[in-house]
Amino acid sequence: MRRLLLALYLMALPATADVLQQFVARDGLTGQFTQRILSPEGAVLDQSSGDFKLLKPHFFWWHITAPDNQLMVAADNSLTQIDWDLEVTVERQLSDTERSPFYWLLAPRETLLTAFTLDATGAAVTLTPRDPSAYYQRLLVAQEGPDLWRVTLLDQAGQSIDLALSTLPKVRLAPGDFLVPSVNF
């Protein structure tokens, strides 16, 4: 009887692999986000919201719709930033060493284990870089609902970025979904 109760208890606990695997097993994610940048003391420095798309291996779309109108699109090794309020477009090449937190969140598990130590607590996983000089000192991924994720990133200065990602289920993305829109400025 004890073994049965222990087995049922262990089955009810979300395992590290389950939380992280649900996130990294996807080829891509799309949905809405809210973002808060917090000081080391916890004061809100900035807030924004919008929509996002992520597709393995190197496609990223981050469209801030409030309070400003900005877009960042990464496709392979190119990053384009558009700010409609300032009427500015910036394009640049990304090096292999410039990896956003979203690269890591969509990376294969083997790659994560090489770069991070993993610590599970309930329905969350904390990724701590093995390299002490890494820009982000900690990434926390937590599942708060079937299609709701919280990602918190702590940088070297003690600031954190808190993201709530509301994902759309079963949306198939393709590289053509990451085309930079044309602008007239």
N, C-alpha and C. Protein backbone atom coordinates (compact mmCIF):
# COMPACT_ATOMS: atom_id res chain seq x y z
N MET A 1 0.82 -1.19 0.00
CA MET A 1 0.00 0.00 0.00
C MET A 1 0.86 1.26 0.00
N ARG A 2 1.95 1.25 0.81
CA ARG A 2 2.84 2.40 0.85
C ARG A 2 3.44 2.68 -0.52
N ARG A 3 3.84 1.61 -1.20
CA ARG A 3 4.44 1.79 -2.53
C ARG A 3 3.43 2.40 -3.50
N LEU A 4 2.19 1.97 -3.43
CA LEU A 4 1.15 2.51 -4.30
C LEU A 4 0.95 4.00 -4.01
N LEU A 5 0.89 4.37 -2.74
CA LEU A 5 0.72 5.79 -2.38
C LEU A 5 1.92 6.60 -2.83
N LEU A 6 3.12 6.07 -2.63
CA LEU A 6 4.33 6.77 -3.08
C LEU A 6 4.33 6.92 -4.59
N ALA A 7 3.96 5.88 -5.31
CA ALA A 7 3.92 5.95 -6.77
C ALA A 7 2.89 6.99 -7.24
N LEU A 8 1.72 7.01 -6.61
CA LEU A 8 0.70 8.01 -6.98
C LEU A 8 1.19 9.42 -6.67
N TYR A 9 1.85 9.60 -5.54
CA TYR A 9 2.39 10.90 -5.17
C TYR A 9 3.44 11.36 -6.18
N LEU A 10 4.35 10.48 -6.54
CA LEU A 10 5.40 10.83 -7.50
C LEU A 10 4.82 11.13 -8.88
N MET A 11 3.77 10.41 -9.25
CA MET A 11 3.14 10.67 -10.55
C MET A 11 2.46 12.04 -10.57
N ALA A 12 1.99 12.50 -9.42
CA ALA A 12 1.29 13.80 -9.35
C ALA A 12 2.27 14.96 -9.40
N LEU A 13 3.52 14.75 -9.03
CA LEU A 13 4.51 15.82 -9.05
C LEU A 13 4.99 16.08 -10.47
N PRO A 14 5.05 17.34 -10.92
CA PRO A 14 5.62 17.61 -12.23
C PRO A 14 7.14 17.40 -12.17
N ALA A 15 7.66 16.63 -13.07
CA ALA A 15 9.09 16.35 -13.09
C ALA A 15 9.82 17.43 -13.87
N THR A 16 11.12 17.58 -13.60
CA THR A 16 11.93 18.55 -14.32
C THR A 16 11.79 18.36 -15.82
N ALA A 17 11.92 17.14 -16.24
CA ALA A 17 11.86 16.86 -17.68
C ALA A 17 10.51 17.27 -18.25
N ASP A 18 9.44 17.07 -17.49
CA ASP A 18 8.11 17.39 -18.00
C ASP A 18 7.96 18.88 -18.27
N VAL A 19 8.31 19.74 -17.30
CA VAL A 19 8.15 21.19 -17.46
C VAL A 19 9.05 21.69 -18.58
N LEU A 20 10.30 21.34 -18.51
CA LEU A 20 11.25 21.81 -19.52
C LEU A 20 10.97 21.15 -20.86
N GLN A 21 10.67 19.88 -20.84
CA GLN A 21 10.41 19.15 -22.09
C GLN A 21 9.21 19.72 -22.83
N GLN A 22 8.17 20.11 -22.11
CA GLN A 22 7.00 20.69 -22.77
C GLN A 22 7.37 21.97 -23.49
N PHE A 23 8.31 22.71 -22.93
CA PHE A 23 8.73 23.97 -23.55
C PHE A 23 9.67 23.72 -24.72
N VAL A 24 10.73 22.92 -24.49
CA VAL A 24 11.75 22.74 -25.52
C VAL A 24 11.37 21.72 -26.58
N ALA A 25 10.37 20.89 -26.32
CA ALA A 25 9.98 19.87 -27.31
C ALA A 25 9.26 20.48 -28.51
N ARG A 26 8.78 21.69 -28.37
CA ARG A 26 8.04 22.33 -29.45
C ARG A 26 9.00 22.87 -30.51
N ASP A 27 8.54 22.83 -31.75
CA ASP A 27 9.33 23.44 -32.82
C ASP A 27 9.21 24.95 -32.79
N GLY A 28 8.10 25.43 -32.25
CA GLY A 28 7.90 26.86 -32.17
C GLY A 28 6.78 27.20 -31.21
N LEU A 29 6.70 28.48 -30.89
CA LEU A 29 5.66 29.00 -30.00
C LEU A 29 5.16 30.31 -30.58
N THR A 30 3.91 30.62 -30.36
CA THR A 30 3.37 31.92 -30.74
C THR A 30 2.29 32.29 -29.75
N GLY A 31 2.08 33.58 -29.58
CA GLY A 31 1.05 34.04 -28.65
C GLY A 31 1.23 35.49 -28.27
N GLN A 32 0.75 35.82 -27.09
CA GLN A 32 0.82 37.17 -26.54
C GLN A 32 1.78 37.18 -25.35
N PHE A 33 2.37 38.35 -25.10
CA PHE A 33 3.27 38.47 -23.95
C PHE A 33 2.98 39.75 -23.18
N THR A 34 3.34 39.72 -21.91
CA THR A 34 3.49 40.92 -21.11
C THR A 34 4.88 40.84 -20.53
N GLN A 35 5.54 41.97 -20.47
CA GLN A 35 6.93 42.02 -20.03
C GLN A 35 7.09 43.13 -19.00
N ARG A 36 7.79 42.81 -17.92
CA ARG A 36 8.14 43.81 -16.92
C ARG A 36 9.63 43.71 -16.67
N ILE A 37 10.28 44.87 -16.63
CA ILE A 37 11.69 44.94 -16.25
C ILE A 37 11.72 45.48 -14.84
N LEU A 38 12.38 44.74 -13.94
CA LEU A 38 12.39 45.07 -12.53
C LEU A 38 13.80 45.41 -12.06
N SER A 39 13.92 46.40 -11.19
CA SER A 39 15.20 46.76 -10.58
C SER A 39 15.61 45.65 -9.61
N PRO A 40 16.86 45.68 -9.15
CA PRO A 40 17.27 44.68 -8.14
C PRO A 40 16.40 44.74 -6.87
N GLU A 41 15.79 45.91 -6.60
CA GLU A 41 14.94 46.05 -5.43
C GLU A 41 13.49 45.64 -5.71
N GLY A 42 13.16 45.32 -6.96
CA GLY A 42 11.82 44.88 -7.31
C GLY A 42 10.92 45.98 -7.87
N ALA A 43 11.44 47.19 -8.04
CA ALA A 43 10.63 48.28 -8.61
C ALA A 43 10.47 48.05 -10.12
N VAL A 44 9.27 48.32 -10.64
CA VAL A 44 9.01 48.17 -12.07
C VAL A 44 9.64 49.34 -12.81
N LEU A 45 10.62 49.04 -13.68
CA LEU A 45 11.31 50.06 -14.46
C LEU A 45 10.63 50.29 -15.81
N ASP A 46 10.04 49.23 -16.36
CA ASP A 46 9.41 49.33 -17.68
C ASP A 46 8.40 48.20 -17.81
N GLN A 47 7.38 48.46 -18.61
CA GLN A 47 6.35 47.47 -18.86
C GLN A 47 5.94 47.55 -20.32
N SER A 48 5.69 46.40 -20.93
CA SER A 48 5.23 46.39 -22.32
C SER A 48 4.43 45.12 -22.56
N SER A 49 3.74 45.11 -23.71
CA SER A 49 2.99 43.92 -24.10
C SER A 49 2.95 43.86 -25.62
N GLY A 50 2.59 42.69 -26.13
CA GLY A 50 2.51 42.52 -27.57
C GLY A 50 2.37 41.06 -27.94
N ASP A 51 2.88 40.73 -29.13
CA ASP A 51 2.80 39.35 -29.61
C ASP A 51 4.19 38.84 -29.96
N PHE A 52 4.33 37.52 -29.95
CA PHE A 52 5.63 36.91 -30.22
C PHE A 52 5.47 35.65 -31.05
N LYS A 53 6.58 35.28 -31.71
CA LYS A 53 6.69 34.01 -32.42
C LYS A 53 8.13 33.53 -32.25
N LEU A 54 8.28 32.25 -32.02
CA LEU A 54 9.60 31.62 -31.91
C LEU A 54 9.56 30.34 -32.73
N LEU A 55 10.60 30.12 -33.52
CA LEU A 55 10.69 28.91 -34.32
C LEU A 55 12.12 28.41 -34.31
N LYS A 56 12.29 27.14 -34.02
CA LYS A 56 13.64 26.55 -34.05
C LYS A 56 14.16 26.56 -35.47
N PRO A 57 15.43 26.76 -35.72
CA PRO A 57 16.44 26.98 -34.71
C PRO A 57 16.74 28.46 -34.46
N HIS A 58 16.48 29.36 -35.42
CA HIS A 58 16.97 30.74 -35.27
C HIS A 58 15.96 31.80 -35.68
N PHE A 59 14.69 31.60 -35.41
CA PHE A 59 13.68 32.57 -35.83
C PHE A 59 12.97 33.14 -34.60
N PHE A 60 12.88 34.46 -34.56
CA PHE A 60 12.37 35.17 -33.39
C PHE A 60 11.59 36.39 -33.86
N TRP A 61 10.40 36.60 -33.32
CA TRP A 61 9.55 37.76 -33.65
C TRP A 61 9.04 38.31 -32.33
N TRP A 62 9.34 39.55 -32.01
CA TRP A 62 8.92 40.16 -30.76
C TRP A 62 8.33 41.52 -31.11
N HIS A 63 7.01 41.63 -31.11
CA HIS A 63 6.32 42.85 -31.52
C HIS A 63 5.69 43.51 -30.30
N ILE A 64 6.28 44.60 -29.88
CA ILE A 64 5.74 45.39 -28.77
C ILE A 64 4.64 46.27 -29.33
N THR A 65 3.45 46.14 -28.80
CA THR A 65 2.32 46.95 -29.27
C THR A 65 1.90 48.00 -28.26
N ALA A 66 2.33 47.87 -27.00
CA ALA A 66 2.02 48.87 -25.98
C ALA A 66 3.17 48.91 -24.97
N PRO A 67 3.63 50.03 -24.58
CA PRO A 67 3.13 51.37 -24.86
C PRO A 67 3.65 51.95 -26.18
N ASP A 68 4.62 51.29 -26.79
CA ASP A 68 5.18 51.77 -28.05
C ASP A 68 4.81 50.80 -29.17
N ASN A 69 5.33 51.06 -30.35
CA ASN A 69 5.14 50.15 -31.48
C ASN A 69 6.52 49.82 -32.05
N GLN A 70 7.06 48.68 -31.61
CA GLN A 70 8.40 48.25 -32.03
C GLN A 70 8.36 46.78 -32.40
N LEU A 71 9.29 46.40 -33.27
CA LEU A 71 9.38 45.00 -33.71
C LEU A 71 10.84 44.61 -33.79
N MET A 72 11.15 43.41 -33.28
CA MET A 72 12.46 42.79 -33.47
C MET A 72 12.23 41.47 -34.15
N VAL A 73 12.93 41.26 -35.27
CA VAL A 73 12.82 40.02 -36.02
C VAL A 73 14.23 39.47 -36.22
N ALA A 74 14.43 38.25 -35.76
CA ALA A 74 15.68 37.54 -36.02
C ALA A 74 15.36 36.38 -36.94
N ALA A 75 16.09 36.31 -38.02
CA ALA A 75 15.96 35.21 -38.96
C ALA A 75 17.37 34.75 -39.29
N ASP A 76 17.66 33.52 -38.91
CA ASP A 76 19.01 32.97 -39.05
C ASP A 76 20.00 33.87 -38.32
N ASN A 77 20.91 34.53 -39.03
CA ASN A 77 21.94 35.33 -38.37
C ASN A 77 21.74 36.82 -38.55
N SER A 78 20.51 37.26 -38.83
CA SER A 78 20.22 38.66 -39.04
C SER A 78 19.16 39.14 -38.06
N LEU A 79 19.36 40.32 -37.49
CA LEU A 79 18.39 40.92 -36.58
C LEU A 79 17.96 42.27 -37.15
N THR A 80 16.65 42.47 -37.26
CA THR A 80 16.09 43.74 -37.71
C THR A 80 15.23 44.30 -36.60
N GLN A 81 15.45 45.57 -36.26
CA GLN A 81 14.66 46.26 -35.27
C GLN A 81 13.96 47.43 -35.96
N ILE A 82 12.65 47.53 -35.76
CA ILE A 82 11.87 48.61 -36.34
C ILE A 82 11.17 49.33 -35.20
N ASP A 83 11.29 50.66 -35.18
CA ASP A 83 10.58 51.49 -34.22
C ASP A 83 9.72 52.46 -35.01
N TRP A 84 8.41 52.19 -35.05
CA TRP A 84 7.51 53.03 -35.84
C TRP A 84 7.34 54.41 -35.20
N ASP A 85 7.43 54.51 -33.88
CA ASP A 85 7.29 55.80 -33.21
C ASP A 85 8.45 56.73 -33.54
N LEU A 86 9.66 56.18 -33.57
CA LEU A 86 10.85 56.98 -33.91
C LEU A 86 11.16 56.97 -35.40
N GLU A 87 10.46 56.15 -36.15
CA GLU A 87 10.68 55.97 -37.59
C GLU A 87 12.13 55.60 -37.89
N VAL A 88 12.57 54.51 -37.23
CA VAL A 88 13.94 54.03 -37.36
C VAL A 88 13.92 52.52 -37.62
N THR A 89 14.78 52.10 -38.54
CA THR A 89 15.01 50.68 -38.78
C THR A 89 16.51 50.41 -38.66
N VAL A 90 16.85 49.38 -37.91
CA VAL A 90 18.25 49.00 -37.73
C VAL A 90 18.37 47.52 -38.08
N GLU A 91 19.34 47.20 -38.92
CA GLU A 91 19.62 45.81 -39.27
C GLU A 91 21.07 45.50 -38.92
N ARG A 92 21.29 44.30 -38.40
CA ARG A 92 22.67 43.89 -38.12
C ARG A 92 22.77 42.38 -38.14
N GLN A 93 23.98 41.92 -38.32
CA GLN A 93 24.25 40.49 -38.31
C GLN A 93 24.50 40.03 -36.88
N LEU A 94 24.03 38.85 -36.57
CA LEU A 94 24.24 38.25 -35.26
C LEU A 94 25.37 37.23 -35.35
N SER A 95 26.23 37.24 -34.36
CA SER A 95 27.30 36.25 -34.33
C SER A 95 26.77 34.98 -33.66
N ASP A 96 27.52 33.92 -33.79
CA ASP A 96 27.13 32.65 -33.18
C ASP A 96 27.11 32.74 -31.66
N THR A 97 27.86 33.70 -31.10
CA THR A 97 27.92 33.81 -29.64
C THR A 97 26.79 34.65 -29.07
N GLU A 98 26.05 35.38 -29.91
CA GLU A 98 24.93 36.19 -29.44
C GLU A 98 23.66 35.34 -29.41
N ARG A 99 23.40 34.76 -28.28
CA ARG A 99 22.24 33.89 -28.15
C ARG A 99 21.27 34.51 -27.18
N SER A 100 20.06 34.73 -27.63
CA SER A 100 19.03 35.31 -26.77
C SER A 100 18.55 34.24 -25.80
N PRO A 101 17.88 34.67 -24.74
CA PRO A 101 17.29 33.67 -23.83
C PRO A 101 16.32 32.74 -24.55
N PHE A 102 15.68 33.23 -25.60
CA PHE A 102 14.73 32.38 -26.32
C PHE A 102 15.44 31.29 -27.11
N TYR A 103 16.66 31.57 -27.55
CA TYR A 103 17.44 30.50 -28.18
C TYR A 103 17.58 29.36 -27.18
N TRP A 104 17.94 29.71 -25.95
CA TRP A 104 18.16 28.68 -24.94
C TRP A 104 16.87 27.95 -24.60
N LEU A 105 15.77 28.66 -24.58
CA LEU A 105 14.51 28.02 -24.22
C LEU A 105 14.00 27.07 -25.29
N LEU A 106 14.47 27.24 -26.51
CA LEU A 106 14.08 26.33 -27.59
C LEU A 106 15.20 25.36 -27.98
N ALA A 107 16.32 25.45 -27.27
CA ALA A 107 17.47 24.59 -27.57
C ALA A 107 17.18 23.15 -27.16
N PRO A 108 17.84 22.20 -27.83
CA PRO A 108 17.69 20.80 -27.42
C PRO A 108 18.17 20.60 -25.98
N ARG A 109 17.59 19.64 -25.32
CA ARG A 109 17.92 19.36 -23.92
C ARG A 109 19.42 19.12 -23.73
N GLU A 110 20.06 18.42 -24.66
CA GLU A 110 21.50 18.15 -24.54
C GLU A 110 22.30 19.44 -24.52
N THR A 111 21.90 20.41 -25.36
CA THR A 111 22.57 21.71 -25.40
C THR A 111 22.38 22.44 -24.08
N LEU A 112 21.18 22.39 -23.53
CA LEU A 112 20.91 23.02 -22.24
C LEU A 112 21.77 22.43 -21.14
N LEU A 113 21.87 21.10 -21.11
CA LEU A 113 22.64 20.45 -20.06
C LEU A 113 24.13 20.77 -20.17
N THR A 114 24.60 21.05 -21.36
CA THR A 114 25.99 21.45 -21.55
C THR A 114 26.23 22.85 -21.01
N ALA A 115 25.28 23.76 -21.20
CA ALA A 115 25.45 25.17 -20.85
C ALA A 115 24.93 25.54 -19.46
N PHE A 116 24.01 24.74 -18.90
CA PHE A 116 23.35 25.12 -17.65
C PHE A 116 23.28 23.95 -16.68
N THR A 117 23.16 24.29 -15.40
CA THR A 117 22.71 23.32 -14.42
C THR A 117 21.20 23.54 -14.29
N LEU A 118 20.47 22.47 -14.06
CA LEU A 118 19.02 22.54 -13.97
C LEU A 118 18.58 22.18 -12.56
N ASP A 119 17.61 22.94 -12.05
CA ASP A 119 17.06 22.67 -10.73
C ASP A 119 15.54 22.78 -10.81
N ALA A 120 14.85 21.71 -10.46
CA ALA A 120 13.39 21.69 -10.53
C ALA A 120 12.78 21.95 -9.17
N THR A 121 11.73 22.77 -9.17
CA THR A 121 10.95 23.00 -7.96
C THR A 121 9.49 23.07 -8.39
N GLY A 122 8.75 22.02 -8.17
CA GLY A 122 7.35 21.99 -8.57
C GLY A 122 7.19 22.07 -10.07
N ALA A 123 6.40 23.02 -10.54
CA ALA A 123 6.13 23.18 -11.97
C ALA A 123 7.08 24.19 -12.61
N ALA A 124 8.29 24.31 -12.06
CA ALA A 124 9.27 25.27 -12.58
C ALA A 124 10.64 24.64 -12.68
N VAL A 125 11.44 25.18 -13.57
CA VAL A 125 12.83 24.77 -13.72
C VAL A 125 13.69 26.02 -13.74
N THR A 126 14.77 26.01 -12.95
CA THR A 126 15.72 27.11 -12.95
C THR A 126 16.96 26.66 -13.70
N LEU A 127 17.38 27.46 -14.68
CA LEU A 127 18.58 27.18 -15.44
C LEU A 127 19.65 28.19 -14.99
N THR A 128 20.77 27.67 -14.52
CA THR A 128 21.88 28.51 -14.08
C THR A 128 23.07 28.23 -15.00
N PRO A 129 23.60 29.28 -15.66
CA PRO A 129 24.70 29.07 -16.60
C PRO A 129 25.92 28.48 -15.89
N ARG A 130 26.58 27.57 -16.57
CA ARG A 130 27.83 27.01 -16.04
C ARG A 130 28.95 28.03 -16.15
N ASP A 131 28.83 28.95 -17.11
CA ASP A 131 29.81 30.01 -17.30
C ASP A 131 29.46 31.19 -16.38
N PRO A 132 30.28 31.47 -15.35
CA PRO A 132 29.93 32.54 -14.41
C PRO A 132 29.93 33.93 -15.05
N SER A 133 30.51 34.09 -16.23
CA SER A 133 30.53 35.40 -16.88
C SER A 133 29.36 35.58 -17.85
N ALA A 134 28.44 34.63 -17.90
CA ALA A 134 27.28 34.73 -18.79
C ALA A 134 26.46 35.97 -18.42
N TYR A 135 25.86 36.60 -19.44
CA TYR A 135 25.09 37.82 -19.20
C TYR A 135 23.90 37.55 -18.28
N TYR A 136 23.15 36.48 -18.58
CA TYR A 136 22.03 36.12 -17.72
C TYR A 136 22.52 35.14 -16.67
N GLN A 137 22.29 35.47 -15.43
CA GLN A 137 22.75 34.64 -14.32
C GLN A 137 21.78 33.53 -13.95
N ARG A 138 20.52 33.71 -14.38
CA ARG A 138 19.53 32.69 -14.07
C ARG A 138 18.33 32.86 -14.99
N LEU A 139 17.77 31.75 -15.44
CA LEU A 139 16.53 31.74 -16.20
C LEU A 139 15.58 30.79 -15.48
N LEU A 140 14.40 31.28 -15.18
CA LEU A 140 13.39 30.46 -14.54
C LEU A 140 12.25 30.27 -15.53
N VAL A 141 11.85 29.03 -15.75
CA VAL A 141 10.73 28.71 -16.63
C VAL A 141 9.69 28.00 -15.78
N ALA A 142 8.49 28.58 -15.74
CA ALA A 142 7.42 27.99 -14.94
C ALA A 142 6.16 27.89 -15.78
N GLN A 143 5.48 26.77 -15.65
CA GLN A 143 4.20 26.60 -16.32
C GLN A 143 3.11 26.93 -15.33
N GLU A 144 2.30 27.96 -15.65
CA GLU A 144 1.25 28.41 -14.75
C GLU A 144 -0.13 27.97 -15.21
N GLY A 145 -0.21 27.35 -16.36
CA GLY A 145 -1.46 26.84 -16.91
C GLY A 145 -1.13 26.11 -18.19
N PRO A 146 -2.11 25.47 -18.81
CA PRO A 146 -1.84 24.69 -20.03
C PRO A 146 -1.16 25.51 -21.13
N ASP A 147 -1.53 26.78 -21.26
CA ASP A 147 -0.96 27.63 -22.30
C ASP A 147 -0.39 28.92 -21.73
N LEU A 148 -0.03 28.92 -20.44
CA LEU A 148 0.52 30.10 -19.80
C LEU A 148 1.86 29.75 -19.16
N TRP A 149 2.89 30.49 -19.58
CA TRP A 149 4.25 30.27 -19.10
C TRP A 149 4.78 31.56 -18.49
N ARG A 150 5.62 31.44 -17.50
CA ARG A 150 6.33 32.59 -16.94
C ARG A 150 7.81 32.31 -17.11
N VAL A 151 8.50 33.28 -17.68
CA VAL A 151 9.95 33.19 -17.86
C VAL A 151 10.55 34.41 -17.16
N THR A 152 11.45 34.15 -16.24
CA THR A 152 12.11 35.24 -15.52
C THR A 152 13.60 35.11 -15.74
N LEU A 153 14.21 36.23 -16.16
CA LEU A 153 15.64 36.26 -16.44
C LEU A 153 16.31 37.24 -15.50
N LEU A 154 17.37 36.84 -14.86
CA LEU A 154 18.12 37.70 -13.96
C LEU A 154 19.46 38.00 -14.61
N ASP A 155 19.78 39.31 -14.79
CA ASP A 155 21.05 39.65 -15.44
C ASP A 155 22.14 39.91 -14.40
N GLN A 156 23.35 40.19 -14.87
CA GLN A 156 24.50 40.39 -13.99
C GLN A 156 24.33 41.59 -13.06
N ALA A 157 23.56 42.59 -13.48
CA ALA A 157 23.37 43.79 -12.66
C ALA A 157 22.27 43.61 -11.61
N GLY A 158 21.61 42.46 -11.60
CA GLY A 158 20.56 42.22 -10.63
C GLY A 158 19.18 42.62 -11.11
N GLN A 159 19.08 43.19 -12.32
CA GLN A 159 17.77 43.48 -12.91
C GLN A 159 17.16 42.18 -13.40
N SER A 160 15.85 42.14 -13.43
CA SER A 160 15.21 40.95 -13.97
C SER A 160 14.17 41.36 -15.00
N ILE A 161 13.96 40.46 -15.93
CA ILE A 161 12.92 40.59 -16.93
C ILE A 161 11.92 39.49 -16.64
N ASP A 162 10.69 39.89 -16.40
CA ASP A 162 9.63 38.94 -16.08
C ASP A 162 8.67 38.91 -17.27
N LEU A 163 8.55 37.75 -17.90
CA LEU A 163 7.70 37.59 -19.07
C LEU A 163 6.57 36.62 -18.77
N ALA A 164 5.36 37.01 -19.11
CA ALA A 164 4.23 36.09 -19.08
C ALA A 164 3.89 35.82 -20.53
N LEU A 165 3.97 34.55 -20.93
CA LEU A 165 3.72 34.14 -22.30
C LEU A 165 2.43 33.33 -22.35
N SER A 166 1.46 33.87 -23.05
CA SER A 166 0.20 33.17 -23.26
C SER A 166 0.27 32.58 -24.67
N THR A 167 0.46 31.28 -24.75
CA THR A 167 0.71 30.65 -26.04
C THR A 167 -0.58 30.15 -26.67
N LEU A 168 -0.58 30.15 -27.99
CA LEU A 168 -1.69 29.59 -28.75
C LEU A 168 -1.38 28.12 -29.03
N PRO A 169 -2.28 27.23 -28.72
CA PRO A 169 -1.99 25.80 -28.94
C PRO A 169 -2.04 25.43 -30.42
N LYS A 170 -1.18 24.50 -30.79
CA LYS A 170 -1.20 23.86 -32.10
C LYS A 170 -1.15 24.81 -33.29
N VAL A 171 -0.36 25.87 -33.19
CA VAL A 171 -0.14 26.75 -34.33
C VAL A 171 1.17 26.34 -34.98
N ARG A 172 1.15 26.09 -36.26
CA ARG A 172 2.36 25.71 -36.99
C ARG A 172 2.99 26.95 -37.61
N LEU A 173 4.26 27.16 -37.30
CA LEU A 173 5.00 28.29 -37.85
C LEU A 173 5.97 27.80 -38.91
N ALA A 174 6.32 28.71 -39.82
CA ALA A 174 7.29 28.41 -40.88
C ALA A 174 8.20 29.63 -41.01
N PRO A 175 9.40 29.46 -41.61
CA PRO A 175 10.29 30.61 -41.78
C PRO A 175 9.62 31.81 -42.47
N GLY A 176 8.64 31.56 -43.34
CA GLY A 176 7.94 32.65 -44.01
C GLY A 176 7.13 33.52 -43.06
N ASP A 177 6.89 33.05 -41.84
CA ASP A 177 6.17 33.85 -40.84
C ASP A 177 7.07 34.90 -40.19
N PHE A 178 8.34 34.92 -40.57
CA PHE A 178 9.31 35.82 -39.95
C PHE A 178 9.89 36.82 -40.95
N LEU A 179 9.10 37.17 -41.95
CA LEU A 179 9.54 38.17 -42.91
C LEU A 179 9.40 39.56 -42.32
N VAL A 180 10.41 40.37 -42.53
CA VAL A 180 10.40 41.75 -42.01
C VAL A 180 9.45 42.57 -42.86
N PRO A 181 8.49 43.27 -42.23
CA PRO A 181 7.57 44.09 -43.01
C PRO A 181 8.28 45.29 -43.62
N SER A 182 7.80 45.74 -44.76
CA SER A 182 8.41 46.94 -45.36
C SER A 182 7.88 48.17 -44.65
N VAL A 183 8.74 49.17 -44.54
CA VAL A 183 8.36 50.43 -43.89
C VAL A 183 8.68 51.57 -44.86
N ASN A 184 8.00 52.70 -44.68
CA ASN A 184 8.18 53.84 -45.56
C ASN A 184 8.85 55.02 -44.85
N PHE A 185 9.90 54.74 -44.12
CA PHE A 185 10.65 55.84 -43.52
C PHE A 185 12.13 55.54 -43.59
